[in-house]
Structures are given as C-alpha cells and as structure tokens.
All heavy atoms as atom14 arrays in JSON, in Angstrom:
{
  "sequence": "STTMSWYRQAPGKEREFVATTGAVGGATYYSDSTKGR",
  "atom14_mask": [
    [1, 1, 1, 1, 1, 1, 0, 0, 0, 0, 0, 0, 0, 0],
    [1, 1, 1, 1, 1, 1, 1, 0, 0, 0, 0, 0, 0, 0],
    [1, 1, 1, 1, 1, 1, 1, 0, 0, 0, 0, 0, 0, 0],
    [1, 1, 1, 1, 1, 1, 1, 1, 0, 0, 0, 0, 0, 0],
    [1, 1, 1, 1, 1, 1, 0, 0, 0, 0, 0, 0, 0, 0],
    [1, 1, 1, 1, 1, 1, 1, 1, 1, 1, 1, 1, 1, 1],
    [1, 1, 1, 1, 1, 1, 1, 1, 1, 1, 1, 1, 0, 0],
    [1, 1, 1, 1, 1, 1, 1, 1, 1, 1, 1, 0, 0, 0],
    [1, 1, 1, 1, 1, 1, 1, 1, 1, 0, 0, 0, 0, 0],
    [1, 1, 1, 1, 1, 0, 0, 0, 0, 0, 0, 0, 0, 0],
    [1, 1, 1, 1, 1, 1, 1, 0, 0, 0, 0, 0, 0, 0],
    [1, 1, 1, 1, 0, 0, 0, 0, 0, 0, 0, 0, 0, 0],
    [1, 1, 1, 1, 1, 1, 1, 1, 1, 0, 0, 0, 0, 0],
    [1, 1, 1, 1, 1, 1, 1, 1, 1, 0, 0, 0, 0, 0],
    [1, 1, 1, 1, 1, 1, 1, 1, 1, 1, 1, 0, 0, 0],
    [1, 1, 1, 1, 1, 1, 1, 1, 1, 0, 0, 0, 0, 0],
    [1, 1, 1, 1, 1, 1, 1, 1, 1, 1, 1, 0, 0, 0],
    [1, 1, 1, 1, 1, 1, 1, 0, 0, 0, 0, 0, 0, 0],
    [1, 1, 1, 1, 1, 0, 0, 0, 0, 0, 0, 0, 0, 0],
    [1, 1, 1, 1, 1, 1, 1, 0, 0, 0, 0, 0, 0, 0],
    [1, 1, 1, 1, 1, 1, 1, 0, 0, 0, 0, 0, 0, 0],
    [1, 1, 1, 1, 0, 0, 0, 0, 0, 0, 0, 0, 0, 0],
    [1, 1, 1, 1, 1, 0, 0, 0, 0, 0, 0, 0, 0, 0],
    [1, 1, 1, 1, 1, 1, 1, 0, 0, 0, 0, 0, 0, 0],
    [1, 1, 1, 1, 0, 0, 0, 0, 0, 0, 0, 0, 0, 0],
    [1, 1, 1, 1, 0, 0, 0, 0, 0, 0, 0, 0, 0, 0],
    [1, 1, 1, 1, 1, 0, 0, 0, 0, 0, 0, 0, 0, 0],
    [1, 1, 1, 1, 1, 1, 1, 0, 0, 0, 0, 0, 0, 0],
    [1, 1, 1, 1, 1, 1, 1, 1, 1, 1, 1, 1, 0, 0],
    [1, 1, 1, 1, 1, 1, 1, 1, 1, 1, 1, 1, 0, 0],
    [1, 1, 1, 1, 1, 1, 0, 0, 0, 0, 0, 0, 0, 0],
    [1, 1, 1, 1, 1, 1, 1, 1, 0, 0, 0, 0, 0, 0],
    [1, 1, 1, 1, 1, 1, 0, 0, 0, 0, 0, 0, 0, 0],
    [1, 1, 1, 1, 1, 1, 1, 0, 0, 0, 0, 0, 0, 0],
    [1, 1, 1, 1, 1, 1, 1, 1, 1, 0, 0, 0, 0, 0],
    [1, 1, 1, 1, 0, 0, 0, 0, 0, 0, 0, 0, 0, 0],
    [1, 1, 1, 1, 1, 1, 1, 1, 1, 1, 1, 0, 0, 0]
  ],
  "atom14_positions": [
    [[-2.74, -13.91, -25.47], [-3.57, -13.28, -24.46], [-4.39, -14.25, -23.66], [-5.33, -13.82, -23.02], [-4.54, -12.27, -25.22], [-5.29, -12.97, -26.14], [0.0, 0.0, 0.0], [0.0, 0.0, 0.0], [0.0, 0.0, 0.0], [0.0, 0.0, 0.0], [0.0, 0.0, 0.0], [0.0, 0.0, 0.0], [0.0, 0.0, 0.0], [0.0, 0.0, 0.0]],
    [[-3.97, -15.49, -23.73], [-4.71, -16.5, -23.07], [-3.94, -17.31, -22.1], [-2.73, -17.65, -22.29], [-5.2, -17.59, -24.1], [-6.08, -16.86, -25.1], [-6.04, -18.64, -23.47], [0.0, 0.0, 0.0], [0.0, 0.0, 0.0], [0.0, 0.0, 0.0], [0.0, 0.0, 0.0], [0.0, 0.0, 0.0], [0.0, 0.0, 0.0], [0.0, 0.0, 0.0]],
    [[-4.51, -17.46, -20.84], [-3.82, -18.19, -19.88], [-3.65, -19.75, -20.28], [-4.59, -20.24, -20.81], [-4.62, -18.22, -18.55], [-4.71, -16.87, -18.01], [-3.99, -19.14, -17.44], [0.0, 0.0, 0.0], [0.0, 0.0, 0.0], [0.0, 0.0, 0.0], [0.0, 0.0, 0.0], [0.0, 0.0, 0.0], [0.0, 0.0, 0.0], [0.0, 0.0, 0.0]],
    [[-2.48, -20.24, -20.1], [-2.22, -21.66, -20.5], [-1.62, -22.36, -19.31], [-0.94, -21.79, -18.46], [-1.28, -21.62, -21.61], [-1.75, -21.06, -22.91], [-3.15, -21.89, -23.71], [-2.4, -23.48, -23.97], [0.0, 0.0, 0.0], [0.0, 0.0, 0.0], [0.0, 0.0, 0.0], [0.0, 0.0, 0.0], [0.0, 0.0, 0.0], [0.0, 0.0, 0.0]],
    [[-1.88, -23.64, -19.26], [-1.47, -24.48, -18.15], [-0.89, -25.83, -18.67], [-1.19, -26.24, -19.79], [-2.53, -24.63, -17.27], [-3.03, -23.55, -16.65], [0.0, 0.0, 0.0], [0.0, 0.0, 0.0], [0.0, 0.0, 0.0], [0.0, 0.0, 0.0], [0.0, 0.0, 0.0], [0.0, 0.0, 0.0], [0.0, 0.0, 0.0], [0.0, 0.0, 0.0]],
    [[-0.08, -26.44, -17.69], [0.37, -27.85, -17.97], [-0.21, -28.66, -16.8], [-0.22, -28.24, -15.64], [1.88, -27.98, -17.97], [2.57, -27.44, -19.16], [3.14, -26.28, -19.39], [2.77, -28.25, -20.37], [3.73, -26.2, -20.65], [3.55, -27.45, -21.35], [2.41, -29.53, -20.82], [3.85, -27.82, -22.6], [2.7, -29.91, -22.07], [3.42, -29.1, -22.94]],
    [[-0.8, -29.77, -17.14], [-1.25, -30.72, -16.23], [-0.49, -32.16, -16.48], [0.01, -32.24, -17.59], [-2.73, -30.96, -16.25], [-3.58, -29.89, -15.58], [-3.59, -28.62, -16.13], [-4.23, -30.17, -14.42], [-4.36, -27.67, -15.47], [-4.98, -29.24, -13.8], [-5.04, -27.94, -14.28], [-5.79, -27.02, -13.68], [0.0, 0.0, 0.0], [0.0, 0.0, 0.0]],
    [[-0.65, -32.99, -15.53], [-0.06, -34.33, -15.83], [-0.91, -35.41, -15.19], [-1.59, -35.13, -14.22], [1.31, -34.41, -15.32], [1.47, -34.36, -13.76], [3.0, -34.26, -13.44], [3.19, -34.31, -11.98], [4.37, -34.08, -11.42], [5.53, -34.0, -12.12], [4.5, -34.08, -10.06], [0.0, 0.0, 0.0], [0.0, 0.0, 0.0], [0.0, 0.0, 0.0]],
    [[-0.83, -36.55, -15.65], [-1.58, -37.63, -15.09], [-0.72, -38.93, -15.04], [-0.35, -39.47, -16.13], [-2.82, -38.02, -15.87], [-3.8, -38.97, -15.27], [-5.2, -38.97, -15.86], [-5.35, -38.5, -16.94], [-6.11, -39.44, -15.15], [0.0, 0.0, 0.0], [0.0, 0.0, 0.0], [0.0, 0.0, 0.0], [0.0, 0.0, 0.0], [0.0, 0.0, 0.0]],
    [[-0.43, -39.48, -13.9], [0.25, -40.73, -13.78], [-0.68, -41.86, -13.83], [-1.85, -41.74, -13.57], [1.02, -40.7, -12.41], [0.0, 0.0, 0.0], [0.0, 0.0, 0.0], [0.0, 0.0, 0.0], [0.0, 0.0, 0.0], [0.0, 0.0, 0.0], [0.0, 0.0, 0.0], [0.0, 0.0, 0.0], [0.0, 0.0, 0.0], [0.0, 0.0, 0.0]],
    [[-0.11, -43.11, -14.13], [-0.97, -44.25, -14.2], [-1.74, -44.44, -12.87], [-1.11, -44.48, -11.81], [-0.02, -45.34, -14.46], [1.14, -44.74, -15.2], [1.2, -43.38, -14.59], [0.0, 0.0, 0.0], [0.0, 0.0, 0.0], [0.0, 0.0, 0.0], [0.0, 0.0, 0.0], [0.0, 0.0, 0.0], [0.0, 0.0, 0.0], [0.0, 0.0, 0.0]],
    [[-3.03, -44.63, -13.04], [-3.87, -44.93, -11.77], [-4.17, -43.73, -10.96], [-4.74, -43.84, -9.88], [0.0, 0.0, 0.0], [0.0, 0.0, 0.0], [0.0, 0.0, 0.0], [0.0, 0.0, 0.0], [0.0, 0.0, 0.0], [0.0, 0.0, 0.0], [0.0, 0.0, 0.0], [0.0, 0.0, 0.0], [0.0, 0.0, 0.0], [0.0, 0.0, 0.0]],
    [[-3.66, -42.58, -11.35], [-3.85, -41.29, -10.62], [-4.78, -40.35, -11.32], [-4.94, -40.43, -12.58], [-2.52, -40.67, -10.35], [-1.53, -41.5, -9.63], [-1.9, -41.9, -8.25], [-0.88, -42.66, -7.49], [-1.23, -43.06, -6.19], [0.0, 0.0, 0.0], [0.0, 0.0, 0.0], [0.0, 0.0, 0.0], [0.0, 0.0, 0.0], [0.0, 0.0, 0.0]],
    [[-5.24, -39.38, -10.67], [-6.08, -38.32, -11.28], [-5.14, -37.26, -11.83], [-4.08, -37.15, -11.51], [-7.03, -37.71, -10.32], [-8.08, -38.6, -9.74], [-9.13, -37.86, -8.85], [-9.0, -36.7, -8.61], [-10.11, -38.49, -8.44], [0.0, 0.0, 0.0], [0.0, 0.0, 0.0], [0.0, 0.0, 0.0], [0.0, 0.0, 0.0], [0.0, 0.0, 0.0]],
    [[-5.62, -36.52, -12.9], [-4.91, -35.54, -13.49], [-4.66, -34.43, -12.49], [-5.52, -34.05, -11.71], [-5.63, -34.98, -14.75], [-4.8, -34.08, -15.64], [-5.5, -33.87, -16.93], [-5.73, -35.1, -17.67], [-6.24, -35.22, -18.94], [-6.58, -34.05, -19.57], [-6.47, -36.3, -19.46], [0.0, 0.0, 0.0], [0.0, 0.0, 0.0], [0.0, 0.0, 0.0]],
    [[-3.44, -33.96, -12.44], [-3.03, -32.91, -11.47], [-2.42, -31.71, -12.11], [-1.77, -31.77, -13.15], [-2.12, -33.47, -10.4], [-0.77, -33.86, -10.89], [0.2, -34.29, -9.82], [-0.08, -34.05, -8.67], [1.3, -34.83, -10.1], [0.0, 0.0, 0.0], [0.0, 0.0, 0.0], [0.0, 0.0, 0.0], [0.0, 0.0, 0.0], [0.0, 0.0, 0.0]],
    [[-2.54, -30.58, -11.52], [-1.94, -29.39, -11.99], [-0.42, -29.32, -11.85], [0.13, -29.85, -10.9], [-2.53, -28.19, -11.27], [-1.81, -26.87, -11.4], [-2.02, -26.1, -12.49], [-0.88, -26.33, -10.5], [-1.39, -24.92, -12.72], [-0.25, -25.21, -10.64], [-0.51, -24.43, -11.8], [0.0, 0.0, 0.0], [0.0, 0.0, 0.0], [0.0, 0.0, 0.0]],
    [[0.24, -28.81, -12.82], [1.71, -28.68, -12.87], [2.11, -27.22, -12.82], [2.93, -26.84, -11.92], [2.27, -29.37, -14.11], [3.83, -29.06, -14.14], [2.05, -30.86, -13.99], [0.0, 0.0, 0.0], [0.0, 0.0, 0.0], [0.0, 0.0, 0.0], [0.0, 0.0, 0.0], [0.0, 0.0, 0.0], [0.0, 0.0, 0.0], [0.0, 0.0, 0.0]],
    [[1.7, -26.4, -13.78], [2.1, -25.04, -13.88], [1.08, -24.21, -14.78], [0.38, -24.85, -15.61], [3.45, -24.99, -14.54], [0.0, 0.0, 0.0], [0.0, 0.0, 0.0], [0.0, 0.0, 0.0], [0.0, 0.0, 0.0], [0.0, 0.0, 0.0], [0.0, 0.0, 0.0], [0.0, 0.0, 0.0], [0.0, 0.0, 0.0], [0.0, 0.0, 0.0]],
    [[1.05, -23.0, -14.52], [0.27, -22.11, -15.43], [0.89, -20.76, -15.71], [1.73, -20.29, -14.82], [-1.1, -21.89, -14.82], [-2.04, -21.31, -15.76], [-1.04, -20.99, -13.53], [0.0, 0.0, 0.0], [0.0, 0.0, 0.0], [0.0, 0.0, 0.0], [0.0, 0.0, 0.0], [0.0, 0.0, 0.0], [0.0, 0.0, 0.0], [0.0, 0.0, 0.0]],
    [[0.64, -20.14, -16.74], [1.14, -18.78, -17.06], [0.08, -17.99, -17.78], [-0.77, -18.5, -18.57], [2.31, -18.86, -17.96], [2.87, -17.61, -18.28], [1.96, -19.48, -19.29], [0.0, 0.0, 0.0], [0.0, 0.0, 0.0], [0.0, 0.0, 0.0], [0.0, 0.0, 0.0], [0.0, 0.0, 0.0], [0.0, 0.0, 0.0], [0.0, 0.0, 0.0]],
    [[0.05, -16.7, -17.34], [-0.96, -15.86, -17.98], [-0.47, -15.38, -19.35], [0.49, -15.99, -19.93], [0.0, 0.0, 0.0], [0.0, 0.0, 0.0], [0.0, 0.0, 0.0], [0.0, 0.0, 0.0], [0.0, 0.0, 0.0], [0.0, 0.0, 0.0], [0.0, 0.0, 0.0], [0.0, 0.0, 0.0], [0.0, 0.0, 0.0], [0.0, 0.0, 0.0]],
    [[-0.94, -14.23, -19.84], [-0.47, -13.66, -21.09], [0.99, -13.43, -21.0], [1.54, -13.45, -19.83], [-1.28, -12.46, -21.45], [0.0, 0.0, 0.0], [0.0, 0.0, 0.0], [0.0, 0.0, 0.0], [0.0, 0.0, 0.0], [0.0, 0.0, 0.0], [0.0, 0.0, 0.0], [0.0, 0.0, 0.0], [0.0, 0.0, 0.0], [0.0, 0.0, 0.0]],
    [[1.72, -13.17, -22.03], [3.09, -12.79, -22.01], [3.43, -11.73, -21.0], [2.71, -10.71, -21.0], [3.59, -12.44, -23.42], [5.1, -11.98, -23.36], [3.44, -13.61, -24.39], [0.0, 0.0, 0.0], [0.0, 0.0, 0.0], [0.0, 0.0, 0.0], [0.0, 0.0, 0.0], [0.0, 0.0, 0.0], [0.0, 0.0, 0.0], [0.0, 0.0, 0.0]],
    [[4.29, -11.95, -20.15], [4.62, -11.06, -19.08], [3.72, -11.22, -17.82], [3.9, -10.49, -16.87], [0.0, 0.0, 0.0], [0.0, 0.0, 0.0], [0.0, 0.0, 0.0], [0.0, 0.0, 0.0], [0.0, 0.0, 0.0], [0.0, 0.0, 0.0], [0.0, 0.0, 0.0], [0.0, 0.0, 0.0], [0.0, 0.0, 0.0], [0.0, 0.0, 0.0]],
    [[2.79, -12.18, -17.9], [1.9, -12.41, -16.83], [2.52, -13.25, -15.67], [3.65, -13.69, -15.77], [0.0, 0.0, 0.0], [0.0, 0.0, 0.0], [0.0, 0.0, 0.0], [0.0, 0.0, 0.0], [0.0, 0.0, 0.0], [0.0, 0.0, 0.0], [0.0, 0.0, 0.0], [0.0, 0.0, 0.0], [0.0, 0.0, 0.0], [0.0, 0.0, 0.0]],
    [[1.76, -13.49, -14.68], [2.22, -14.3, -13.58], [2.38, -15.76, -13.91], [1.65, -16.27, -14.84], [1.32, -14.16, -12.31], [0.0, 0.0, 0.0], [0.0, 0.0, 0.0], [0.0, 0.0, 0.0], [0.0, 0.0, 0.0], [0.0, 0.0, 0.0], [0.0, 0.0, 0.0], [0.0, 0.0, 0.0], [0.0, 0.0, 0.0], [0.0, 0.0, 0.0]],
    [[3.28, -16.54, -13.22], [3.36, -17.98, -13.4], [3.18, -18.6, -12.01], [3.46, -18.02, -10.99], [4.74, -18.29, -13.96], [5.75, -17.78, -13.08], [4.93, -17.74, -15.31], [0.0, 0.0, 0.0], [0.0, 0.0, 0.0], [0.0, 0.0, 0.0], [0.0, 0.0, 0.0], [0.0, 0.0, 0.0], [0.0, 0.0, 0.0], [0.0, 0.0, 0.0]],
    [[2.64, -19.84, -12.12], [2.32, -20.57, -10.85], [2.71, -22.03, -11.08], [2.64, -22.59, -12.16], [0.86, -20.47, -10.38], [0.4, -19.1, -10.22], [-0.22, -18.36, -11.26], [0.56, -18.46, -8.92], [-0.61, -17.05, -11.04], [0.06, -17.12, -8.84], [-0.49, -16.47, -9.76], [-0.96, -15.14, -9.6], [0.0, 0.0, 0.0], [0.0, 0.0, 0.0]],
    [[3.24, -22.6, -10.01], [3.72, -23.99, -10.09], [3.18, -24.77, -8.87], [2.95, -24.23, -7.8], [5.26, -24.07, -10.04], [5.89, -23.27, -11.18], [6.2, -22.01, -11.17], [6.23, -23.99, -12.4], [6.79, -21.28, -12.15], [6.7, -23.27, -13.44], [7.06, -21.97, -13.33], [7.64, -21.28, -14.34], [0.0, 0.0, 0.0], [0.0, 0.0, 0.0]],
    [[3.05, -26.12, -9.11], [2.58, -26.92, -8.04], [3.87, -27.0, -7.0], [4.99, -26.82, -7.42], [2.28, -28.37, -8.47], [3.39, -28.99, -9.12], [0.0, 0.0, 0.0], [0.0, 0.0, 0.0], [0.0, 0.0, 0.0], [0.0, 0.0, 0.0], [0.0, 0.0, 0.0], [0.0, 0.0, 0.0], [0.0, 0.0, 0.0], [0.0, 0.0, 0.0]],
    [[3.53, -27.4, -5.82], [4.6, -27.51, -4.84], [5.78, -28.56, -5.22], [6.88, -28.37, -4.89], [4.07, -27.9, -3.45], [3.26, -26.72, -2.81], [3.52, -25.52, -3.2], [2.49, -27.01, -1.86], [0.0, 0.0, 0.0], [0.0, 0.0, 0.0], [0.0, 0.0, 0.0], [0.0, 0.0, 0.0], [0.0, 0.0, 0.0], [0.0, 0.0, 0.0]],
    [[5.25, -29.55, -5.92], [6.19, -30.64, -6.24], [7.12, -30.29, -7.44], [8.09, -30.93, -7.64], [5.43, -31.85, -6.58], [4.59, -31.66, -7.68], [0.0, 0.0, 0.0], [0.0, 0.0, 0.0], [0.0, 0.0, 0.0], [0.0, 0.0, 0.0], [0.0, 0.0, 0.0], [0.0, 0.0, 0.0], [0.0, 0.0, 0.0], [0.0, 0.0, 0.0]],
    [[6.75, -29.27, -8.15], [7.57, -28.91, -9.44], [8.19, -27.55, -9.36], [9.16, -27.32, -10.13], [6.68, -28.96, -10.65], [5.6, -27.97, -10.57], [6.02, -30.37, -10.86], [0.0, 0.0, 0.0], [0.0, 0.0, 0.0], [0.0, 0.0, 0.0], [0.0, 0.0, 0.0], [0.0, 0.0, 0.0], [0.0, 0.0, 0.0], [0.0, 0.0, 0.0]],
    [[7.74, -26.64, -8.51], [8.35, -25.36, -8.46], [9.89, -25.44, -8.12], [10.2, -26.26, -7.18], [7.62, -24.35, -7.6], [7.6, -24.8, -6.06], [6.7, -23.77, -5.37], [6.6, -24.11, -3.88], [5.67, -23.15, -3.13], [0.0, 0.0, 0.0], [0.0, 0.0, 0.0], [0.0, 0.0, 0.0], [0.0, 0.0, 0.0], [0.0, 0.0, 0.0]],
    [[10.63, -24.64, -8.7], [12.09, -24.71, -8.51], [12.81, -25.72, -9.47], [14.03, -25.66, -9.61], [0.0, 0.0, 0.0], [0.0, 0.0, 0.0], [0.0, 0.0, 0.0], [0.0, 0.0, 0.0], [0.0, 0.0, 0.0], [0.0, 0.0, 0.0], [0.0, 0.0, 0.0], [0.0, 0.0, 0.0], [0.0, 0.0, 0.0], [0.0, 0.0, 0.0]],
    [[11.97, -26.54, -10.1], [12.54, -27.51, -11.08], [12.01, -27.29, -12.41], [12.71, -27.55, -13.46], [12.28, -28.95, -10.6], [12.9, -29.3, -9.25], [12.71, -30.76, -8.98], [11.24, -31.14, -8.87], [10.69, -32.13, -9.66], [11.46, -32.72, -10.64], [9.4, -32.35, -9.47], [0.0, 0.0, 0.0], [0.0, 0.0, 0.0], [0.0, 0.0, 0.0]]
  ]
}
C-alpha cells in the first residue's frame, strides 16, 4: 500500500528520479531517459 520509487546517482551527479509505482495496480511513472526501456 506504499508508493515506491527507484532513483540513481552517477559519479559527480545529483541523485535523479528513475521510476515510481503506487500500490499494486497503481500508476507507474518513468523518467524520459528510461521509459520504454
């Protein structure tokens, strides 16, 4: 019942959003650089 996300951080870069999902059956969202992959 908890929204969960993935983030990533490259060397020398700030942490950035990758993807998130709501509760089971909920909506999913992706960064422009990762969606489709």
